[in-house]
Protein backbone atom coordinates (compact mmCIF):
# COMPACT_ATOMS: atom_id res chain seq x y z
CA MET A 1 -32.32 3.72 -10.39
CA ASP A 2 -32.87 2.11 -6.98
CA ILE A 3 -30.60 3.97 -4.54
CA ALA A 4 -31.14 1.38 -1.81
CA ALA A 5 -29.87 -1.38 -4.15
CA VAL A 6 -26.81 0.69 -5.04
CA ASN A 7 -26.08 1.30 -1.37
CA ARG A 8 -26.44 -2.44 -0.62
CA ASN A 9 -23.97 -3.25 -3.40
CA LEU A 10 -21.49 -0.69 -2.10
CA ALA A 11 -21.78 -2.02 1.45
CA ALA A 12 -21.43 -5.69 0.44
CA PRO A 13 -18.11 -7.23 1.44
CA VAL A 14 -15.75 -7.90 -1.41
CA ALA A 15 -13.86 -11.19 -1.30
CA ALA A 16 -10.12 -10.83 -1.69
CA PRO A 17 -8.72 -12.80 -4.61
CA ALA A 18 -7.01 -16.05 -3.67
CA VAL A 19 -3.25 -15.68 -3.37
CA PRO A 20 -1.09 -18.61 -4.49
CA ALA A 21 0.90 -20.21 -1.65
CA ASP A 22 4.28 -19.17 -3.08
CA ARG A 23 3.13 -15.58 -3.44
CA ALA A 24 1.74 -15.56 0.12
CA ALA A 25 5.10 -16.80 1.41
CA GLU A 26 6.88 -14.07 -0.55
CA ASN A 27 4.51 -11.45 0.90
CA ARG A 28 5.21 -12.70 4.45
CA GLU A 29 8.96 -12.42 3.80
CA ILE A 30 8.55 -8.82 2.60
CA VAL A 31 6.48 -7.93 5.67
CA GLN A 32 9.11 -9.49 7.95
CA ALA A 33 11.92 -7.63 6.16
CA VAL A 34 10.11 -4.28 6.48
CA LYS A 35 9.48 -4.93 10.17
CA ALA A 36 13.18 -5.78 10.65
CA VAL A 37 14.30 -2.57 8.88
CA ASN A 38 11.94 -0.48 11.01
CA ALA A 39 12.90 -2.24 14.27
CA ALA A 40 16.61 -1.73 13.55
CA GLU A 41 15.93 1.94 12.78
CA LEU A 42 18.07 1.63 9.63
CA LEU A 43 16.32 4.69 8.19
CA GLY A 44 16.78 6.70 11.36
CA LYS A 45 15.01 6.84 14.68
CA ASP A 46 12.20 9.05 13.39
CA SER A 47 11.63 7.32 10.02
CA GLU A 48 9.98 4.10 8.92
CA LEU A 49 9.60 2.10 5.72
CA VAL A 50 6.04 1.55 4.50
CA PHE A 51 4.76 -0.57 1.59
CA GLN A 52 1.24 0.30 0.42
CA ARG A 53 -0.98 -0.29 -2.59
CA ASP A 54 -2.06 2.91 -4.35
CA PRO A 55 -5.88 2.79 -4.30
CA ARG A 56 -6.27 4.34 -7.76
CA THR A 57 -3.65 2.43 -9.76
CA GLN A 58 -3.31 -0.69 -7.57
CA LYS A 59 0.49 -0.33 -7.87
CA ILE A 60 2.77 -0.96 -4.90
CA VAL A 61 4.21 2.24 -3.42
CA ILE A 62 7.27 2.27 -1.16
CA ARG A 63 7.49 5.22 1.21
CA VAL A 64 9.88 6.45 3.85
CA MET A 65 7.72 8.26 6.38
CA ARG A 66 8.34 10.30 9.51
CA ARG A 67 7.03 8.45 12.55
CA GLY A 68 4.26 10.19 14.41
CA THR A 69 3.43 12.76 11.73
CA ASP A 70 3.00 10.44 8.68
CA GLU A 71 4.94 12.96 6.59
CA VAL A 72 6.21 11.32 3.40
CA LEU A 73 9.97 11.86 3.18
CA SER A 74 10.43 9.92 -0.05
CA GLN A 75 8.32 7.73 -2.28
CA THR A 76 8.86 5.25 -5.11
CA PRO A 77 7.30 5.59 -7.62
CA PRO A 78 6.75 9.33 -7.21
CA GLU A 79 3.20 10.65 -6.97
CA TYR A 80 3.35 12.22 -10.43
CA VAL A 81 4.18 8.81 -11.97
CA LEU A 82 1.19 7.23 -10.23
CA ARG A 83 -1.13 9.97 -11.48
CA LEU A 84 0.32 9.61 -15.00
CA ALA A 85 -0.30 5.86 -14.91
CA GLU A 86 -3.83 6.51 -13.70
CA SER A 87 -4.53 8.95 -16.54
CA LEU A 88 -3.27 6.45 -19.12
CA LYS A 89 -5.84 3.82 -18.12
C-alpha cells in the first residue's frame, strides 16, 4: 500500500453535491430563521439555537447551547438515538 497515495486522496478536496435551487432557498430560510431566533434571544440571553449535521450519521441535529461555553443544554435527536442509528448502518 502506497501511504503517500492514501495521504493525497485524504487531502484532496471533496466537491459538495449540487443542491437544487428550491432546496437552497429553503436552507437560506432556515438559516435566516435561526439567526432571527438567536438575535431576539428567544431562548434566553445566554442560549442559542444551532443546527448541525452529525458527522457520523449525516442527520441534522438541533441543539440549544450556552453561549460562550458551547455546553449543550438540549438536543434533538438525543445523542443516544444518533449512536443507535449509526450502529444500525
